[in-house]
Amino acid sequence: MSYIDGIILAVPKANKEQFIQHAGIADAAFIEWGATRVLECWEDDVPDGKITDFRRAVQATQDEAVVFSWVEWPDKATRDAGMQKLMSAGESDPRFSAEKNPMPFDGMRMIFGGFVPVLTLEK
């Protein structure tokens, strides 16, 4: 059964192109390590909620956009192996080097987690 990593973060709107470049470099590693698909989605219709919302979740300011991303893996074992490679890559892999591919956002406000699909509908 497939496995999904979900990520939500706030990116300065002025850094949109930097974010796309950064993600293109870093996300290639997930594909290399077994992910079947990576999607990076820039906010388009993200309303403010009355109690909670995406913007509050990542403490996004007016000059930041919410990015919703997910990584699809064929199964949890492949995901766990891929994430282990990510954790061990650290600064030694230029795709994750703060110097060679700096994050154009505040990583401290990033929310992420792993999910097991319970329903899939496809056309």
N, C-alpha and C. Protein backbone atom coordinates (compact mmCIF):
# COMPACT_ATOMS: atom_id res chain seq x y z
N MET A 1 0.85 -1.18 0.00
CA MET A 1 0.00 0.00 0.00
C MET A 1 0.89 1.24 0.00
N SER A 2 0.46 2.26 -0.72
CA SER A 2 1.26 3.48 -0.82
C SER A 2 1.35 4.20 0.51
N TYR A 3 2.26 5.14 0.59
CA TYR A 3 2.49 5.94 1.79
C TYR A 3 2.72 7.38 1.35
N ILE A 4 2.21 8.34 2.11
CA ILE A 4 2.28 9.75 1.74
C ILE A 4 2.96 10.55 2.84
N ASP A 5 3.91 11.38 2.47
CA ASP A 5 4.45 12.40 3.37
C ASP A 5 3.80 13.72 2.98
N GLY A 6 3.18 14.39 3.93
CA GLY A 6 2.57 15.69 3.69
C GLY A 6 3.37 16.79 4.36
N ILE A 7 3.50 17.92 3.69
CA ILE A 7 4.30 19.04 4.18
C ILE A 7 3.54 20.34 3.94
N ILE A 8 3.53 21.22 4.93
CA ILE A 8 2.96 22.55 4.79
C ILE A 8 4.01 23.53 5.30
N LEU A 9 4.25 24.59 4.54
CA LEU A 9 5.21 25.60 4.98
C LEU A 9 4.84 26.96 4.42
N ALA A 10 5.47 27.99 4.98
CA ALA A 10 5.26 29.37 4.53
C ALA A 10 6.52 29.82 3.81
N VAL A 11 6.35 30.36 2.61
CA VAL A 11 7.48 30.82 1.80
C VAL A 11 7.25 32.29 1.46
N PRO A 12 8.25 33.15 1.67
CA PRO A 12 8.08 34.54 1.24
C PRO A 12 7.69 34.58 -0.23
N LYS A 13 6.67 35.37 -0.53
CA LYS A 13 6.19 35.47 -1.91
C LYS A 13 7.31 35.89 -2.86
N ALA A 14 8.22 36.72 -2.38
CA ALA A 14 9.34 37.17 -3.19
C ALA A 14 10.30 36.02 -3.53
N ASN A 15 10.21 34.90 -2.81
CA ASN A 15 11.12 33.77 -3.01
C ASN A 15 10.49 32.63 -3.81
N LYS A 16 9.40 32.90 -4.53
CA LYS A 16 8.70 31.83 -5.24
C LYS A 16 9.63 31.09 -6.21
N GLU A 17 10.34 31.82 -7.05
CA GLU A 17 11.23 31.17 -8.02
C GLU A 17 12.37 30.44 -7.32
N GLN A 18 12.91 31.03 -6.26
CA GLN A 18 13.96 30.36 -5.48
C GLN A 18 13.42 29.06 -4.89
N PHE A 19 12.18 29.10 -4.40
CA PHE A 19 11.58 27.90 -3.83
C PHE A 19 11.44 26.81 -4.89
N ILE A 20 10.96 27.18 -6.06
CA ILE A 20 10.78 26.20 -7.14
C ILE A 20 12.12 25.56 -7.51
N GLN A 21 13.17 26.37 -7.60
CA GLN A 21 14.49 25.84 -7.91
C GLN A 21 14.99 24.93 -6.79
N HIS A 22 14.84 25.38 -5.55
CA HIS A 22 15.28 24.60 -4.39
C HIS A 22 14.56 23.25 -4.36
N ALA A 23 13.23 23.29 -4.52
CA ALA A 23 12.43 22.07 -4.47
C ALA A 23 12.80 21.13 -5.62
N GLY A 24 13.02 21.67 -6.80
CA GLY A 24 13.39 20.84 -7.94
C GLY A 24 14.67 20.06 -7.69
N ILE A 25 15.60 20.69 -7.01
CA ILE A 25 16.87 20.02 -6.68
C ILE A 25 16.68 19.00 -5.57
N ALA A 26 16.06 19.43 -4.47
CA ALA A 26 15.89 18.54 -3.33
C ALA A 26 14.92 17.39 -3.62
N ASP A 27 13.83 17.68 -4.33
CA ASP A 27 12.82 16.65 -4.59
C ASP A 27 13.34 15.53 -5.49
N ALA A 28 14.33 15.84 -6.31
CA ALA A 28 14.91 14.80 -7.17
C ALA A 28 15.49 13.67 -6.33
N ALA A 29 15.97 14.00 -5.13
CA ALA A 29 16.51 12.97 -4.24
C ALA A 29 15.42 11.99 -3.82
N PHE A 30 14.21 12.52 -3.54
CA PHE A 30 13.12 11.62 -3.13
C PHE A 30 12.79 10.63 -4.24
N ILE A 31 12.79 11.11 -5.47
CA ILE A 31 12.53 10.22 -6.61
C ILE A 31 13.65 9.19 -6.71
N GLU A 32 14.89 9.66 -6.57
CA GLU A 32 16.04 8.76 -6.62
C GLU A 32 15.95 7.69 -5.54
N TRP A 33 15.39 8.06 -4.38
CA TRP A 33 15.33 7.15 -3.24
C TRP A 33 14.04 6.34 -3.19
N GLY A 34 13.22 6.40 -4.26
CA GLY A 34 12.08 5.50 -4.36
C GLY A 34 10.71 6.13 -4.40
N ALA A 35 10.59 7.44 -4.19
CA ALA A 35 9.28 8.08 -4.27
C ALA A 35 8.76 7.97 -5.70
N THR A 36 7.45 7.86 -5.83
CA THR A 36 6.86 7.74 -7.16
C THR A 36 6.40 9.09 -7.70
N ARG A 37 6.17 10.06 -6.79
CA ARG A 37 5.72 11.38 -7.23
C ARG A 37 5.92 12.38 -6.10
N VAL A 38 6.28 13.61 -6.50
CA VAL A 38 6.39 14.72 -5.55
C VAL A 38 5.61 15.89 -6.14
N LEU A 39 4.76 16.49 -5.33
CA LEU A 39 4.01 17.67 -5.77
C LEU A 39 4.30 18.83 -4.83
N GLU A 40 4.59 19.98 -5.42
CA GLU A 40 4.80 21.22 -4.69
C GLU A 40 3.70 22.17 -5.15
N CYS A 41 2.85 22.62 -4.26
CA CYS A 41 1.69 23.42 -4.63
C CYS A 41 1.73 24.77 -3.94
N TRP A 42 1.69 25.85 -4.73
CA TRP A 42 1.72 27.23 -4.26
C TRP A 42 0.30 27.69 -3.99
N GLU A 43 0.06 28.36 -2.90
CA GLU A 43 -1.30 28.77 -2.54
C GLU A 43 -1.98 29.55 -3.65
N ASP A 44 -3.27 29.29 -3.81
CA ASP A 44 -4.09 30.00 -4.78
C ASP A 44 -5.38 30.46 -4.13
N ASP A 45 -6.03 29.56 -3.40
CA ASP A 45 -7.30 29.86 -2.74
C ASP A 45 -7.22 29.29 -1.33
N VAL A 46 -6.58 30.03 -0.45
CA VAL A 46 -6.35 29.59 0.93
C VAL A 46 -7.04 30.58 1.86
N PRO A 47 -8.30 30.33 2.18
CA PRO A 47 -9.05 31.29 2.99
C PRO A 47 -8.63 31.29 4.46
N ASP A 48 -8.85 32.43 5.09
CA ASP A 48 -8.65 32.53 6.53
C ASP A 48 -9.82 31.83 7.21
N GLY A 49 -9.53 31.04 8.23
CA GLY A 49 -10.57 30.35 8.98
C GLY A 49 -10.97 31.13 10.21
N LYS A 50 -12.02 30.70 10.86
CA LYS A 50 -12.48 31.36 12.08
C LYS A 50 -11.75 30.83 13.30
N ILE A 51 -11.36 29.55 13.26
CA ILE A 51 -10.67 28.96 14.40
C ILE A 51 -9.23 28.59 14.04
N THR A 52 -9.05 27.95 12.89
CA THR A 52 -7.71 27.59 12.43
C THR A 52 -7.70 27.56 10.91
N ASP A 53 -6.53 27.56 10.32
CA ASP A 53 -6.39 27.51 8.87
C ASP A 53 -4.94 27.22 8.53
N PHE A 54 -4.67 27.06 7.24
CA PHE A 54 -3.30 26.78 6.81
C PHE A 54 -2.34 27.90 7.19
N ARG A 55 -2.75 29.14 7.04
CA ARG A 55 -1.86 30.27 7.32
C ARG A 55 -1.46 30.29 8.79
N ARG A 56 -2.43 30.10 9.67
CA ARG A 56 -2.12 30.08 11.11
C ARG A 56 -1.23 28.90 11.47
N ALA A 57 -1.48 27.78 10.82
CA ALA A 57 -0.72 26.57 11.14
C ALA A 57 0.79 26.77 10.99
N VAL A 58 1.18 27.56 9.98
CA VAL A 58 2.61 27.79 9.74
C VAL A 58 3.02 29.24 10.06
N GLN A 59 2.11 29.97 10.73
CA GLN A 59 2.37 31.35 11.12
C GLN A 59 2.79 32.22 9.93
N ALA A 60 2.10 32.04 8.80
CA ALA A 60 2.42 32.79 7.58
C ALA A 60 2.05 34.26 7.76
N THR A 61 2.93 35.13 7.33
CA THR A 61 2.68 36.56 7.35
C THR A 61 2.04 36.96 6.02
N GLN A 62 1.64 38.20 5.91
CA GLN A 62 0.99 38.68 4.68
C GLN A 62 1.91 38.60 3.46
N ASP A 63 3.22 38.67 3.70
CA ASP A 63 4.16 38.61 2.56
C ASP A 63 4.63 37.18 2.27
N GLU A 64 3.96 36.18 2.87
CA GLU A 64 4.32 34.79 2.65
C GLU A 64 3.14 34.03 2.03
N ALA A 65 3.47 33.04 1.23
CA ALA A 65 2.48 32.14 0.64
C ALA A 65 2.57 30.79 1.33
N VAL A 66 1.45 30.11 1.42
CA VAL A 66 1.43 28.76 1.96
C VAL A 66 1.74 27.78 0.83
N VAL A 67 2.62 26.85 1.10
CA VAL A 67 2.96 25.80 0.15
C VAL A 67 2.51 24.47 0.77
N PHE A 68 1.78 23.71 -0.02
CA PHE A 68 1.30 22.40 0.39
C PHE A 68 1.97 21.39 -0.52
N SER A 69 2.68 20.46 0.07
CA SER A 69 3.46 19.50 -0.71
C SER A 69 3.19 18.09 -0.23
N TRP A 70 3.37 17.14 -1.12
CA TRP A 70 3.35 15.77 -0.68
C TRP A 70 4.27 14.93 -1.53
N VAL A 71 4.73 13.87 -0.89
CA VAL A 71 5.62 12.90 -1.53
C VAL A 71 4.90 11.57 -1.48
N GLU A 72 4.70 10.95 -2.63
CA GLU A 72 4.07 9.63 -2.69
C GLU A 72 5.15 8.56 -2.79
N TRP A 73 5.01 7.56 -1.95
CA TRP A 73 5.93 6.43 -1.92
C TRP A 73 5.15 5.16 -2.24
N PRO A 74 5.79 4.13 -2.77
CA PRO A 74 5.06 2.90 -3.06
C PRO A 74 4.59 2.18 -1.79
N ASP A 75 5.33 2.37 -0.68
CA ASP A 75 4.98 1.73 0.58
C ASP A 75 5.78 2.39 1.70
N LYS A 76 5.44 2.08 2.94
CA LYS A 76 6.10 2.70 4.09
C LYS A 76 7.57 2.28 4.21
N ALA A 77 7.87 1.04 3.86
CA ALA A 77 9.25 0.57 3.94
C ALA A 77 10.16 1.39 3.02
N THR A 78 9.70 1.66 1.80
CA THR A 78 10.48 2.49 0.87
C THR A 78 10.61 3.89 1.41
N ARG A 79 9.52 4.43 1.96
CA ARG A 79 9.56 5.78 2.55
C ARG A 79 10.55 5.82 3.71
N ASP A 80 10.49 4.84 4.61
CA ASP A 80 11.40 4.84 5.76
C ASP A 80 12.85 4.77 5.31
N ALA A 81 13.13 3.97 4.29
CA ALA A 81 14.50 3.88 3.77
C ALA A 81 14.91 5.21 3.13
N GLY A 82 13.99 5.85 2.39
CA GLY A 82 14.28 7.14 1.78
C GLY A 82 14.52 8.22 2.82
N MET A 83 13.71 8.23 3.87
CA MET A 83 13.89 9.23 4.92
C MET A 83 15.19 8.99 5.70
N GLN A 84 15.57 7.73 5.85
CA GLN A 84 16.85 7.43 6.50
C GLN A 84 18.00 7.99 5.65
N LYS A 85 17.89 7.86 4.33
CA LYS A 85 18.91 8.43 3.45
C LYS A 85 18.94 9.95 3.58
N LEU A 86 17.77 10.56 3.69
CA LEU A 86 17.70 12.01 3.88
C LEU A 86 18.40 12.42 5.17
N MET A 87 18.10 11.72 6.24
CA MET A 87 18.70 12.06 7.54
C MET A 87 20.21 11.85 7.54
N SER A 88 20.68 10.84 6.85
CA SER A 88 22.11 10.58 6.82
C SER A 88 22.84 11.43 5.79
N ALA A 89 22.09 11.96 4.80
CA ALA A 89 22.72 12.79 3.76
C ALA A 89 23.23 14.09 4.35
N GLY A 90 22.40 14.73 5.16
CA GLY A 90 22.80 15.98 5.80
C GLY A 90 23.50 16.92 4.84
N GLU A 91 24.52 17.56 5.30
CA GLU A 91 25.28 18.52 4.51
C GLU A 91 26.19 17.85 3.48
N SER A 92 26.38 16.52 3.58
CA SER A 92 27.27 15.86 2.63
C SER A 92 26.65 15.76 1.23
N ASP A 93 25.33 15.81 1.14
CA ASP A 93 24.64 15.77 -0.15
C ASP A 93 24.34 17.22 -0.54
N PRO A 94 24.89 17.71 -1.65
CA PRO A 94 24.69 19.11 -2.02
C PRO A 94 23.24 19.51 -2.20
N ARG A 95 22.35 18.54 -2.46
CA ARG A 95 20.93 18.86 -2.60
C ARG A 95 20.32 19.32 -1.28
N PHE A 96 20.97 18.97 -0.17
CA PHE A 96 20.47 19.35 1.15
C PHE A 96 21.44 20.23 1.92
N SER A 97 22.44 20.73 1.22
CA SER A 97 23.44 21.60 1.82
C SER A 97 22.87 23.02 1.96
N ALA A 98 22.93 23.55 3.17
CA ALA A 98 22.45 24.92 3.41
C ALA A 98 23.25 25.91 2.58
N GLU A 99 24.48 25.58 2.25
CA GLU A 99 25.33 26.47 1.46
C GLU A 99 25.03 26.35 -0.04
N LYS A 100 24.86 25.12 -0.52
CA LYS A 100 24.69 24.91 -1.96
C LYS A 100 23.23 24.98 -2.42
N ASN A 101 22.28 24.66 -1.55
CA ASN A 101 20.86 24.72 -1.90
C ASN A 101 20.08 25.22 -0.68
N PRO A 102 20.30 26.50 -0.32
CA PRO A 102 19.67 27.03 0.90
C PRO A 102 18.15 27.04 0.80
N MET A 103 17.51 26.78 1.94
CA MET A 103 16.05 26.81 1.99
C MET A 103 15.59 28.27 1.93
N PRO A 104 14.75 28.64 0.97
CA PRO A 104 14.26 30.01 0.87
C PRO A 104 13.02 30.24 1.73
N PHE A 105 12.97 29.59 2.90
CA PHE A 105 11.85 29.70 3.82
C PHE A 105 12.35 29.33 5.21
N ASP A 106 11.53 29.59 6.22
CA ASP A 106 11.87 29.28 7.60
C ASP A 106 11.48 27.84 7.89
N GLY A 107 12.45 26.96 7.92
CA GLY A 107 12.20 25.55 8.15
C GLY A 107 11.63 25.24 9.52
N MET A 108 11.79 26.16 10.47
CA MET A 108 11.26 25.94 11.81
C MET A 108 9.73 25.97 11.84
N ARG A 109 9.11 26.57 10.82
CA ARG A 109 7.65 26.64 10.77
C ARG A 109 7.06 25.62 9.81
N MET A 110 7.87 24.70 9.34
CA MET A 110 7.40 23.65 8.45
C MET A 110 6.70 22.57 9.27
N ILE A 111 5.56 22.10 8.75
CA ILE A 111 4.82 21.00 9.38
C ILE A 111 4.88 19.82 8.42
N PHE A 112 5.17 18.64 8.95
CA PHE A 112 5.23 17.47 8.08
C PHE A 112 4.79 16.24 8.85
N GLY A 113 4.37 15.24 8.11
CA GLY A 113 3.99 13.98 8.72
C GLY A 113 3.75 12.92 7.67
N GLY A 114 3.73 11.68 8.11
CA GLY A 114 3.50 10.54 7.23
C GLY A 114 2.07 10.04 7.38
N PHE A 115 1.49 9.62 6.26
CA PHE A 115 0.08 9.23 6.24
C PHE A 115 -0.13 7.95 5.45
N VAL A 116 -1.05 7.13 5.95
CA VAL A 116 -1.47 5.91 5.26
C VAL A 116 -2.79 6.23 4.55
N PRO A 117 -2.85 6.08 3.24
CA PRO A 117 -4.12 6.32 2.54
C PRO A 117 -5.19 5.35 3.01
N VAL A 118 -6.39 5.87 3.21
CA VAL A 118 -7.51 5.01 3.61
C VAL A 118 -8.58 4.93 2.52
N LEU A 119 -8.52 5.83 1.54
CA LEU A 119 -9.47 5.82 0.43
C LEU A 119 -8.81 6.51 -0.75
N THR A 120 -8.88 5.89 -1.91
CA THR A 120 -8.37 6.49 -3.14
C THR A 120 -9.43 6.38 -4.21
N LEU A 121 -9.76 7.49 -4.82
CA LEU A 121 -10.67 7.50 -5.96
C LEU A 121 -9.91 8.05 -7.15
N GLU A 122 -9.97 7.38 -8.26
CA GLU A 122 -9.25 7.83 -9.45
C GLU A 122 -10.15 7.67 -10.67
N LYS A 123 -9.90 8.49 -11.65
CA LYS A 123 -10.65 8.40 -12.90
C LYS A 123 -9.83 7.68 -13.94
